[in-house]
N, C-alpha and C. Protein backbone atom coordinates (compact mmCIF):
# COMPACT_ATOMS: atom_id res chain seq x y z
N MET A 1 9.62 31.67 12.22
CA MET A 1 9.91 30.27 12.48
C MET A 1 10.05 30.07 13.98
N THR A 2 9.62 28.94 14.43
CA THR A 2 9.61 28.69 15.86
C THR A 2 10.52 27.52 16.22
N GLN A 3 11.15 27.60 17.37
CA GLN A 3 12.02 26.52 17.83
C GLN A 3 11.24 25.25 18.10
N ALA A 4 9.93 25.32 18.20
CA ALA A 4 9.12 24.15 18.52
C ALA A 4 9.23 23.05 17.47
N ILE A 5 9.73 23.35 16.28
CA ILE A 5 9.79 22.30 15.26
C ILE A 5 11.10 21.53 15.26
N SER A 6 12.04 21.92 16.13
CA SER A 6 13.30 21.17 16.21
C SER A 6 14.02 21.49 17.51
N ARG A 7 14.70 20.50 18.03
CA ARG A 7 15.56 20.70 19.20
C ARG A 7 16.92 21.27 18.77
N PHE A 8 17.13 21.40 17.47
CA PHE A 8 18.38 21.90 16.92
C PHE A 8 18.16 23.30 16.36
N PRO A 9 19.24 24.02 16.06
CA PRO A 9 19.08 25.41 15.59
C PRO A 9 18.27 25.48 14.30
N LEU A 10 17.52 26.55 14.19
CA LEU A 10 16.78 26.83 12.95
C LEU A 10 17.31 28.13 12.37
N VAL A 11 17.29 28.21 11.06
CA VAL A 11 17.66 29.46 10.42
C VAL A 11 16.51 30.42 10.64
N GLY A 12 16.82 31.59 11.18
CA GLY A 12 15.77 32.53 11.56
C GLY A 12 15.07 33.21 10.40
N ASN A 13 15.70 33.20 9.23
CA ASN A 13 15.14 33.91 8.10
C ASN A 13 15.56 33.17 6.83
N LEU A 14 14.63 32.91 5.95
CA LEU A 14 14.95 32.19 4.72
C LEU A 14 16.02 32.91 3.89
N ASP A 15 16.09 34.23 4.00
CA ASP A 15 17.10 34.98 3.24
C ASP A 15 18.52 34.66 3.69
N ALA A 16 18.65 34.08 4.89
CA ALA A 16 19.98 33.72 5.40
C ALA A 16 20.47 32.38 4.83
N LEU A 17 19.60 31.67 4.13
CA LEU A 17 19.97 30.37 3.56
C LEU A 17 20.69 30.53 2.23
N PRO A 18 21.50 29.53 1.84
CA PRO A 18 22.06 29.55 0.49
C PRO A 18 20.93 29.63 -0.54
N ALA A 19 21.20 30.27 -1.65
CA ALA A 19 20.16 30.56 -2.64
C ALA A 19 19.44 29.30 -3.12
N ASP A 20 20.18 28.21 -3.37
CA ASP A 20 19.53 27.01 -3.90
C ASP A 20 18.57 26.40 -2.90
N ILE A 21 18.92 26.45 -1.62
CA ILE A 21 18.03 25.89 -0.58
C ILE A 21 16.82 26.79 -0.40
N ARG A 22 17.07 28.09 -0.36
CA ARG A 22 15.95 29.04 -0.24
C ARG A 22 14.98 28.87 -1.40
N GLU A 23 15.50 28.74 -2.62
CA GLU A 23 14.62 28.58 -3.79
C GLU A 23 13.81 27.30 -3.71
N ARG A 24 14.42 26.23 -3.22
CA ARG A 24 13.69 24.96 -3.10
C ARG A 24 12.57 25.08 -2.08
N ILE A 25 12.86 25.71 -0.95
CA ILE A 25 11.83 25.87 0.10
C ILE A 25 10.70 26.75 -0.40
N VAL A 26 11.02 27.83 -1.07
CA VAL A 26 9.98 28.73 -1.60
C VAL A 26 9.13 28.01 -2.64
N ALA A 27 9.76 27.20 -3.48
CA ALA A 27 9.00 26.45 -4.50
C ALA A 27 8.03 25.47 -3.84
N VAL A 28 8.47 24.80 -2.79
CA VAL A 28 7.58 23.88 -2.07
C VAL A 28 6.45 24.65 -1.41
N GLN A 29 6.78 25.78 -0.83
CA GLN A 29 5.75 26.61 -0.18
C GLN A 29 4.70 27.07 -1.20
N GLU A 30 5.14 27.47 -2.38
CA GLU A 30 4.19 27.92 -3.41
C GLU A 30 3.30 26.79 -3.88
N LYS A 31 3.86 25.58 -3.98
CA LYS A 31 3.07 24.45 -4.45
C LYS A 31 2.12 23.93 -3.37
N ALA A 32 2.62 23.80 -2.15
CA ALA A 32 1.82 23.19 -1.07
C ALA A 32 0.99 24.21 -0.30
N GLY A 33 1.43 25.45 -0.29
CA GLY A 33 0.74 26.47 0.50
C GLY A 33 1.33 26.61 1.90
N PHE A 34 2.36 25.84 2.22
CA PHE A 34 3.06 25.92 3.50
C PHE A 34 4.43 25.30 3.34
N VAL A 35 5.31 25.53 4.32
CA VAL A 35 6.64 24.95 4.29
C VAL A 35 6.65 23.74 5.22
N PRO A 36 6.86 22.54 4.69
CA PRO A 36 6.94 21.37 5.56
C PRO A 36 8.07 21.55 6.59
N ASN A 37 7.77 21.22 7.83
CA ASN A 37 8.73 21.42 8.91
C ASN A 37 10.07 20.74 8.67
N VAL A 38 10.07 19.60 7.99
CA VAL A 38 11.33 18.89 7.78
C VAL A 38 12.32 19.72 6.97
N PHE A 39 11.84 20.56 6.07
CA PHE A 39 12.73 21.42 5.29
C PHE A 39 13.44 22.41 6.21
N LEU A 40 12.69 22.98 7.13
CA LEU A 40 13.27 23.96 8.04
C LEU A 40 14.20 23.27 9.04
N MET A 41 13.84 22.06 9.46
CA MET A 41 14.67 21.33 10.40
C MET A 41 16.02 20.98 9.79
N LEU A 42 16.04 20.57 8.52
CA LEU A 42 17.28 20.17 7.86
C LEU A 42 18.10 21.35 7.33
N ALA A 43 17.50 22.50 7.18
CA ALA A 43 18.16 23.62 6.51
C ALA A 43 19.37 24.15 7.25
N HIS A 44 19.48 23.87 8.54
CA HIS A 44 20.64 24.40 9.28
C HIS A 44 21.94 23.66 8.93
N ARG A 45 21.82 22.56 8.18
CA ARG A 45 23.00 21.81 7.70
C ARG A 45 22.90 21.74 6.18
N PRO A 46 23.27 22.81 5.46
CA PRO A 46 23.03 22.90 4.02
C PRO A 46 23.54 21.72 3.19
N ASP A 47 24.74 21.23 3.46
CA ASP A 47 25.25 20.11 2.67
C ASP A 47 24.41 18.86 2.86
N GLU A 48 23.98 18.62 4.09
CA GLU A 48 23.15 17.45 4.37
C GLU A 48 21.75 17.63 3.79
N PHE A 49 21.23 18.84 3.84
CA PHE A 49 19.94 19.15 3.22
C PHE A 49 19.99 18.77 1.74
N ARG A 50 21.04 19.25 1.05
CA ARG A 50 21.17 18.97 -0.38
C ARG A 50 21.30 17.47 -0.63
N ALA A 51 22.13 16.80 0.14
CA ALA A 51 22.36 15.37 -0.06
C ALA A 51 21.07 14.58 0.17
N PHE A 52 20.35 14.91 1.23
CA PHE A 52 19.11 14.20 1.54
C PHE A 52 18.10 14.38 0.42
N PHE A 53 17.85 15.62 0.04
CA PHE A 53 16.81 15.86 -0.96
C PHE A 53 17.23 15.43 -2.36
N ASN A 54 18.51 15.46 -2.66
CA ASN A 54 18.96 14.90 -3.94
C ASN A 54 18.68 13.41 -4.00
N TYR A 55 18.99 12.70 -2.93
CA TYR A 55 18.72 11.26 -2.92
C TYR A 55 17.22 11.00 -2.91
N HIS A 56 16.49 11.78 -2.12
CA HIS A 56 15.02 11.67 -2.10
C HIS A 56 14.46 11.79 -3.51
N ASP A 57 14.86 12.83 -4.22
CA ASP A 57 14.33 13.05 -5.56
C ASP A 57 14.74 11.95 -6.53
N ALA A 58 15.99 11.49 -6.40
CA ALA A 58 16.47 10.42 -7.29
C ALA A 58 15.63 9.17 -7.14
N LEU A 59 15.15 8.90 -5.94
CA LEU A 59 14.33 7.71 -5.69
C LEU A 59 12.84 7.96 -5.93
N MET A 60 12.33 9.04 -5.39
CA MET A 60 10.89 9.22 -5.32
C MET A 60 10.29 9.91 -6.54
N GLU A 61 11.08 10.69 -7.25
CA GLU A 61 10.53 11.46 -8.37
C GLU A 61 10.71 10.81 -9.73
N ARG A 62 11.68 9.94 -9.86
CA ARG A 62 11.92 9.34 -11.17
C ARG A 62 10.94 8.20 -11.43
N GLU A 63 10.76 7.89 -12.70
CA GLU A 63 9.93 6.76 -13.09
C GLU A 63 10.69 5.47 -12.80
N GLY A 64 10.06 4.55 -12.10
CA GLY A 64 10.66 3.25 -11.85
C GLY A 64 10.27 2.29 -12.96
N ASP A 65 10.82 1.08 -12.91
CA ASP A 65 10.43 0.07 -13.90
C ASP A 65 8.94 -0.24 -13.78
N SER A 66 8.49 -0.52 -12.56
CA SER A 66 7.06 -0.81 -12.39
C SER A 66 6.46 -0.17 -11.14
N LEU A 67 7.30 0.35 -10.25
CA LEU A 67 6.76 0.98 -9.04
C LEU A 67 6.13 2.32 -9.38
N THR A 68 4.91 2.51 -8.92
CA THR A 68 4.26 3.80 -9.10
C THR A 68 4.69 4.73 -7.98
N LYS A 69 4.44 6.01 -8.15
CA LYS A 69 4.75 6.97 -7.08
C LYS A 69 3.93 6.66 -5.83
N ALA A 70 2.69 6.22 -6.01
CA ALA A 70 1.86 5.86 -4.86
C ALA A 70 2.46 4.67 -4.13
N GLU A 71 2.95 3.67 -4.86
CA GLU A 71 3.57 2.51 -4.21
C GLU A 71 4.82 2.90 -3.46
N LYS A 72 5.58 3.83 -3.99
CA LYS A 72 6.76 4.31 -3.27
C LYS A 72 6.33 4.95 -1.95
N GLU A 73 5.25 5.72 -1.98
CA GLU A 73 4.76 6.34 -0.74
C GLU A 73 4.22 5.28 0.23
N MET A 74 3.66 4.19 -0.29
CA MET A 74 3.23 3.09 0.59
C MET A 74 4.42 2.57 1.40
N ILE A 75 5.57 2.43 0.73
CA ILE A 75 6.77 1.95 1.41
C ILE A 75 7.15 2.93 2.52
N VAL A 76 7.14 4.21 2.22
CA VAL A 76 7.50 5.22 3.22
C VAL A 76 6.56 5.13 4.42
N VAL A 77 5.27 5.04 4.18
CA VAL A 77 4.30 5.00 5.27
C VAL A 77 4.47 3.74 6.11
N ALA A 78 4.63 2.59 5.47
CA ALA A 78 4.76 1.33 6.22
C ALA A 78 6.04 1.31 7.06
N VAL A 79 7.16 1.71 6.47
CA VAL A 79 8.44 1.73 7.21
C VAL A 79 8.37 2.75 8.33
N SER A 80 7.83 3.92 8.06
CA SER A 80 7.75 4.97 9.07
C SER A 80 6.83 4.59 10.22
N ALA A 81 5.74 3.89 9.91
CA ALA A 81 4.85 3.41 10.96
C ALA A 81 5.57 2.41 11.84
N ASP A 82 6.32 1.51 11.22
CA ASP A 82 7.07 0.52 11.99
C ASP A 82 8.11 1.19 12.88
N HIS A 83 8.71 2.28 12.40
CA HIS A 83 9.71 3.01 13.19
C HIS A 83 9.07 3.98 14.19
N GLY A 84 7.75 4.12 14.15
CA GLY A 84 7.07 5.03 15.07
C GLY A 84 7.33 6.50 14.77
N CYS A 85 7.53 6.83 13.51
CA CYS A 85 7.83 8.21 13.13
C CYS A 85 6.55 8.95 12.72
N LEU A 86 6.02 9.70 13.65
CA LEU A 86 4.77 10.41 13.40
C LEU A 86 4.88 11.35 12.21
N TYR A 87 5.98 12.12 12.14
CA TYR A 87 6.12 13.09 11.05
C TYR A 87 5.97 12.40 9.70
N CYS A 88 6.74 11.36 9.46
CA CYS A 88 6.75 10.74 8.13
C CYS A 88 5.44 10.00 7.84
N VAL A 89 4.83 9.40 8.86
CA VAL A 89 3.53 8.75 8.64
C VAL A 89 2.50 9.78 8.22
N VAL A 90 2.46 10.90 8.91
CA VAL A 90 1.45 11.92 8.61
C VAL A 90 1.75 12.63 7.29
N ALA A 91 2.99 13.06 7.09
CA ALA A 91 3.33 13.80 5.87
C ALA A 91 3.22 12.92 4.63
N HIS A 92 3.81 11.72 4.68
CA HIS A 92 3.77 10.85 3.50
C HIS A 92 2.43 10.14 3.37
N GLY A 93 1.70 10.02 4.48
CA GLY A 93 0.32 9.55 4.39
C GLY A 93 -0.52 10.51 3.57
N ALA A 94 -0.29 11.82 3.76
CA ALA A 94 -1.01 12.83 2.98
C ALA A 94 -0.67 12.70 1.50
N ILE A 95 0.62 12.53 1.20
CA ILE A 95 1.03 12.39 -0.21
C ILE A 95 0.42 11.13 -0.80
N LEU A 96 0.41 10.04 -0.03
CA LEU A 96 -0.19 8.79 -0.52
C LEU A 96 -1.68 8.96 -0.78
N ARG A 97 -2.39 9.62 0.11
CA ARG A 97 -3.83 9.83 -0.11
C ARG A 97 -4.06 10.57 -1.42
N ILE A 98 -3.23 11.57 -1.68
CA ILE A 98 -3.40 12.36 -2.90
C ILE A 98 -3.06 11.53 -4.14
N LEU A 99 -1.92 10.84 -4.12
CA LEU A 99 -1.51 10.07 -5.29
C LEU A 99 -2.44 8.90 -5.58
N ALA A 100 -2.89 8.22 -4.51
CA ALA A 100 -3.77 7.06 -4.69
C ALA A 100 -5.24 7.46 -4.85
N LYS A 101 -5.52 8.73 -4.60
CA LYS A 101 -6.91 9.23 -4.63
C LYS A 101 -7.80 8.36 -3.73
N ASP A 102 -7.27 8.08 -2.55
CA ASP A 102 -7.95 7.21 -1.59
C ASP A 102 -7.72 7.78 -0.19
N PRO A 103 -8.78 8.31 0.45
CA PRO A 103 -8.61 8.93 1.76
C PRO A 103 -8.37 7.94 2.90
N LEU A 104 -8.52 6.64 2.65
CA LEU A 104 -8.40 5.64 3.71
C LEU A 104 -7.10 4.85 3.69
N LEU A 105 -6.48 4.74 2.54
CA LEU A 105 -5.37 3.82 2.34
C LEU A 105 -4.19 4.08 3.27
N ALA A 106 -3.77 5.32 3.43
CA ALA A 106 -2.59 5.61 4.26
C ALA A 106 -2.83 5.19 5.71
N ASP A 107 -4.03 5.43 6.22
CA ASP A 107 -4.33 5.02 7.60
C ASP A 107 -4.30 3.50 7.73
N GLN A 108 -4.86 2.81 6.73
CA GLN A 108 -4.85 1.35 6.77
C GLN A 108 -3.41 0.82 6.77
N ILE A 109 -2.57 1.37 5.92
CA ILE A 109 -1.18 0.90 5.84
C ILE A 109 -0.42 1.23 7.13
N SER A 110 -0.65 2.41 7.69
CA SER A 110 0.10 2.79 8.88
C SER A 110 -0.30 1.96 10.10
N VAL A 111 -1.53 1.51 10.15
CA VAL A 111 -1.96 0.69 11.29
C VAL A 111 -1.55 -0.76 11.09
N ASN A 112 -1.84 -1.31 9.90
CA ASN A 112 -1.47 -2.71 9.63
C ASN A 112 -1.58 -2.95 8.12
N TYR A 113 -0.47 -2.81 7.42
CA TYR A 113 -0.50 -2.96 5.97
C TYR A 113 -0.97 -4.35 5.55
N ARG A 114 -0.84 -5.35 6.43
CA ARG A 114 -1.23 -6.72 6.09
C ARG A 114 -2.74 -6.87 5.90
N THR A 115 -3.51 -5.96 6.50
CA THR A 115 -4.96 -6.01 6.36
C THR A 115 -5.50 -4.86 5.50
N ALA A 116 -4.61 -4.05 4.96
CA ALA A 116 -5.02 -2.91 4.14
C ALA A 116 -5.59 -3.39 2.81
N ALA A 117 -6.37 -2.54 2.18
CA ALA A 117 -6.99 -2.85 0.89
C ALA A 117 -5.98 -2.62 -0.23
N ILE A 118 -4.96 -3.51 -0.30
CA ILE A 118 -3.93 -3.42 -1.33
C ILE A 118 -3.81 -4.77 -2.01
N SER A 119 -3.11 -4.79 -3.13
CA SER A 119 -2.96 -6.03 -3.89
C SER A 119 -1.92 -6.95 -3.25
N GLU A 120 -1.93 -8.21 -3.67
CA GLU A 120 -0.92 -9.16 -3.19
C GLU A 120 0.48 -8.68 -3.56
N ARG A 121 0.62 -8.12 -4.75
CA ARG A 121 1.91 -7.57 -5.19
C ARG A 121 2.38 -6.48 -4.25
N GLN A 122 1.49 -5.55 -3.90
CA GLN A 122 1.86 -4.47 -3.01
C GLN A 122 2.17 -4.98 -1.60
N ARG A 123 1.43 -5.98 -1.15
CA ARG A 123 1.70 -6.56 0.18
C ARG A 123 3.09 -7.21 0.19
N THR A 124 3.45 -7.90 -0.90
CA THR A 124 4.78 -8.51 -1.00
C THR A 124 5.85 -7.42 -0.98
N MET A 125 5.61 -6.33 -1.68
CA MET A 125 6.53 -5.19 -1.70
C MET A 125 6.77 -4.67 -0.28
N LEU A 126 5.69 -4.51 0.48
CA LEU A 126 5.82 -4.01 1.85
C LEU A 126 6.42 -5.05 2.78
N ASP A 127 6.10 -6.33 2.54
CA ASP A 127 6.76 -7.40 3.32
C ASP A 127 8.27 -7.29 3.16
N PHE A 128 8.74 -7.09 1.93
CA PHE A 128 10.17 -7.01 1.68
C PHE A 128 10.77 -5.74 2.30
N ALA A 129 10.08 -4.62 2.16
CA ALA A 129 10.58 -3.37 2.75
C ALA A 129 10.75 -3.51 4.25
N LEU A 130 9.78 -4.13 4.92
CA LEU A 130 9.86 -4.32 6.37
C LEU A 130 10.88 -5.40 6.73
N HIS A 131 11.03 -6.40 5.87
CA HIS A 131 12.07 -7.42 6.07
C HIS A 131 13.43 -6.73 6.16
N LEU A 132 13.67 -5.76 5.29
CA LEU A 132 14.93 -5.03 5.29
C LEU A 132 15.01 -4.04 6.45
N ALA A 133 13.97 -3.24 6.62
CA ALA A 133 14.01 -2.12 7.57
C ALA A 133 13.87 -2.56 9.02
N ALA A 134 13.01 -3.52 9.27
CA ALA A 134 12.74 -3.90 10.65
C ALA A 134 13.51 -5.13 11.10
N GLU A 135 13.73 -6.03 10.18
CA GLU A 135 14.38 -7.30 10.55
C GLU A 135 15.85 -7.35 10.16
N ARG A 136 16.36 -6.26 9.55
CA ARG A 136 17.73 -6.22 9.03
C ARG A 136 18.00 -7.41 8.13
N GLY A 137 16.99 -7.71 7.30
CA GLY A 137 17.07 -8.84 6.38
C GLY A 137 17.92 -8.52 5.17
N VAL A 138 18.06 -9.51 4.32
CA VAL A 138 18.86 -9.37 3.10
C VAL A 138 18.03 -9.84 1.91
N LEU A 139 18.51 -9.50 0.73
CA LEU A 139 17.92 -10.02 -0.50
C LEU A 139 18.61 -11.34 -0.81
N ASP A 140 17.96 -12.44 -0.46
CA ASP A 140 18.51 -13.75 -0.79
C ASP A 140 17.77 -14.30 -2.00
N ASP A 141 18.12 -15.50 -2.42
CA ASP A 141 17.50 -16.09 -3.62
C ASP A 141 16.00 -16.23 -3.47
N ALA A 142 15.55 -16.65 -2.29
CA ALA A 142 14.12 -16.86 -2.07
C ALA A 142 13.35 -15.55 -2.22
N TRP A 143 13.88 -14.47 -1.62
CA TRP A 143 13.21 -13.17 -1.76
C TRP A 143 13.22 -12.70 -3.21
N GLN A 144 14.32 -12.88 -3.89
CA GLN A 144 14.39 -12.41 -5.27
C GLN A 144 13.37 -13.15 -6.13
N VAL A 145 13.25 -14.45 -5.95
CA VAL A 145 12.26 -15.23 -6.71
C VAL A 145 10.86 -14.76 -6.37
N ARG A 146 10.58 -14.57 -5.09
CA ARG A 146 9.25 -14.14 -4.66
C ARG A 146 8.89 -12.78 -5.27
N LEU A 147 9.83 -11.85 -5.25
CA LEU A 147 9.58 -10.51 -5.79
C LEU A 147 9.44 -10.54 -7.31
N GLU A 148 10.30 -11.29 -7.97
CA GLU A 148 10.22 -11.37 -9.43
C GLU A 148 8.93 -12.04 -9.88
N LYS A 149 8.41 -13.00 -9.12
CA LYS A 149 7.12 -13.61 -9.46
C LYS A 149 5.98 -12.59 -9.41
N MET A 150 6.18 -11.55 -8.61
CA MET A 150 5.17 -10.49 -8.51
C MET A 150 5.38 -9.41 -9.58
N GLY A 151 6.39 -9.59 -10.43
CA GLY A 151 6.62 -8.64 -11.51
C GLY A 151 7.63 -7.56 -11.21
N PHE A 152 8.31 -7.64 -10.08
CA PHE A 152 9.33 -6.64 -9.74
C PHE A 152 10.64 -6.96 -10.45
N THR A 153 11.25 -5.94 -11.03
CA THR A 153 12.57 -6.09 -11.65
C THR A 153 13.64 -5.87 -10.58
N LEU A 154 14.90 -6.13 -10.95
CA LEU A 154 15.99 -5.83 -10.02
C LEU A 154 16.05 -4.34 -9.69
N ASN A 155 15.75 -3.49 -10.67
CA ASN A 155 15.70 -2.05 -10.39
C ASN A 155 14.60 -1.72 -9.39
N ASP A 156 13.44 -2.36 -9.51
CA ASP A 156 12.36 -2.15 -8.54
C ASP A 156 12.80 -2.60 -7.15
N ILE A 157 13.45 -3.76 -7.09
CA ILE A 157 13.90 -4.29 -5.80
C ILE A 157 14.89 -3.32 -5.16
N TRP A 158 15.80 -2.78 -5.96
CA TRP A 158 16.74 -1.78 -5.45
C TRP A 158 15.97 -0.58 -4.90
N ASP A 159 14.96 -0.12 -5.66
CA ASP A 159 14.17 1.03 -5.21
C ASP A 159 13.47 0.75 -3.89
N ILE A 160 12.86 -0.42 -3.76
CA ILE A 160 12.18 -0.77 -2.51
C ILE A 160 13.15 -0.69 -1.34
N GLY A 161 14.32 -1.30 -1.51
CA GLY A 161 15.32 -1.29 -0.43
C GLY A 161 15.87 0.10 -0.16
N SER A 162 16.11 0.86 -1.21
CA SER A 162 16.66 2.21 -1.04
C SER A 162 15.67 3.14 -0.36
N ILE A 163 14.40 3.03 -0.72
CA ILE A 163 13.37 3.86 -0.08
C ILE A 163 13.26 3.48 1.40
N ALA A 164 13.25 2.19 1.69
CA ALA A 164 13.19 1.76 3.10
C ALA A 164 14.39 2.30 3.87
N ALA A 165 15.57 2.27 3.25
CA ALA A 165 16.78 2.74 3.92
C ALA A 165 16.77 4.26 4.11
N LEU A 166 16.42 5.01 3.05
CA LEU A 166 16.41 6.46 3.16
C LEU A 166 15.43 6.93 4.23
N PHE A 167 14.27 6.28 4.29
CA PHE A 167 13.30 6.75 5.27
C PHE A 167 13.58 6.21 6.67
N GLY A 168 14.41 5.19 6.78
CA GLY A 168 14.95 4.85 8.10
C GLY A 168 15.78 6.01 8.63
N LEU A 169 16.61 6.58 7.76
CA LEU A 169 17.40 7.77 8.11
C LEU A 169 16.48 8.94 8.45
N SER A 170 15.53 9.21 7.58
CA SER A 170 14.61 10.33 7.80
C SER A 170 13.85 10.15 9.11
N ASN A 171 13.36 8.94 9.36
CA ASN A 171 12.62 8.66 10.60
C ASN A 171 13.48 8.98 11.82
N CYS A 172 14.74 8.55 11.78
CA CYS A 172 15.65 8.81 12.91
C CYS A 172 15.88 10.30 13.11
N LEU A 173 16.10 11.03 12.02
CA LEU A 173 16.40 12.45 12.14
C LEU A 173 15.22 13.25 12.68
N VAL A 174 14.03 13.04 12.13
CA VAL A 174 12.90 13.84 12.61
C VAL A 174 12.48 13.42 14.01
N SER A 175 12.67 12.15 14.35
CA SER A 175 12.36 11.72 15.71
C SER A 175 13.37 12.31 16.69
N MET A 176 14.65 12.30 16.33
CA MET A 176 15.68 12.87 17.19
C MET A 176 15.43 14.37 17.40
N ALA A 177 15.10 15.07 16.32
CA ALA A 177 14.86 16.52 16.40
C ALA A 177 13.51 16.84 17.03
N ARG A 178 12.67 15.83 17.14
CA ARG A 178 11.30 15.98 17.65
C ARG A 178 10.52 16.98 16.79
N THR A 179 10.64 16.77 15.49
CA THR A 179 9.96 17.63 14.53
C THR A 179 8.54 17.13 14.32
N PRO A 180 7.54 17.95 14.64
CA PRO A 180 6.15 17.52 14.46
C PRO A 180 5.69 17.73 13.02
N PRO A 181 4.70 16.95 12.59
CA PRO A 181 4.13 17.21 11.27
C PRO A 181 3.38 18.54 11.27
N ASN A 182 3.39 19.21 10.15
CA ASN A 182 2.58 20.43 10.00
C ASN A 182 1.11 20.05 10.13
N ASP A 183 0.34 20.92 10.75
CA ASP A 183 -1.09 20.67 10.88
C ASP A 183 -1.75 20.45 9.52
N GLU A 184 -1.27 21.14 8.50
CA GLU A 184 -1.88 21.06 7.16
C GLU A 184 -1.87 19.64 6.61
N PHE A 185 -0.86 18.85 6.96
CA PHE A 185 -0.76 17.49 6.43
C PHE A 185 -1.95 16.61 6.84
N TYR A 186 -2.52 16.85 8.00
CA TYR A 186 -3.55 15.95 8.51
C TYR A 186 -4.79 15.90 7.63
N LEU A 187 -5.12 17.00 6.98
CA LEU A 187 -6.34 17.03 6.16
C LEU A 187 -6.09 16.80 4.68
N LEU A 188 -4.84 16.92 4.22
CA LEU A 188 -4.57 16.75 2.80
C LEU A 188 -5.03 15.38 2.30
N GLY A 189 -5.78 15.39 1.20
CA GLY A 189 -6.24 14.16 0.60
C GLY A 189 -7.42 13.52 1.31
N ARG A 190 -7.89 14.14 2.37
CA ARG A 190 -9.06 13.61 3.10
C ARG A 190 -10.35 14.33 2.71
N VAL A 191 -10.20 15.62 2.50
CA VAL A 191 -11.37 16.43 2.17
C VAL A 191 -11.11 17.12 0.84
N PRO A 192 -12.15 17.33 0.05
CA PRO A 192 -11.95 18.00 -1.24
C PRO A 192 -11.39 19.41 -1.02
N ARG A 193 -10.50 19.82 -1.93
CA ARG A 193 -9.96 21.17 -1.87
C ARG A 193 -11.06 22.17 -2.21
N ALA A 194 -11.00 23.31 -1.57
CA ALA A 194 -11.97 24.36 -1.87
C ALA A 194 -11.73 24.83 -3.30
N SER A 195 -12.81 24.90 -4.07
CA SER A 195 -12.66 25.34 -5.45
C SER A 195 -12.57 26.86 -5.50
N ALA A 196 -11.78 27.32 -6.43
CA ALA A 196 -11.63 28.78 -6.60
C ALA A 196 -12.89 29.34 -7.23
N SER A 197 -13.38 30.43 -6.67
CA SER A 197 -14.60 31.05 -7.20
C SER A 197 -14.29 32.16 -8.14
């Protein structure tokens, strides 16, 4: 592990980590083929690592009322682009490309979601996420009516706001630590995976 991925201390050896954190990192490495830098950056604060990823999983991994996993990643990419967080735009852009099966969508959203090839419903979702994240807006009656007309439930609205808030935190942490995206993220979902022979 190299200090280049954080301005803060890194654990020099995965064996030095608590077992649950080490197991989570190894599982991600086995699935992705590499360890995302954010895991190593956060691992030096085990309680915060657990809290962050528990909340992440509670929001991003569970089935929502109507939000798809790809739509959740759209929120992450749009909010992270607005915050200027290269790590989250690149890493979650890769996840979005894979989930949406669209190699162009993440780039379109990160540059200007208003002109991206998305539905009116998805544009309203991102309008609301940015209203909260960038404008410090609130959920008033007008926003609730607008979102509900697009088919969003109160649970969906909570998810949109919670994802925007969690990734505001994530954006701040990785920007503060100056954690770069792994090189592997740049090509994920852009080019077909090599087939096993």
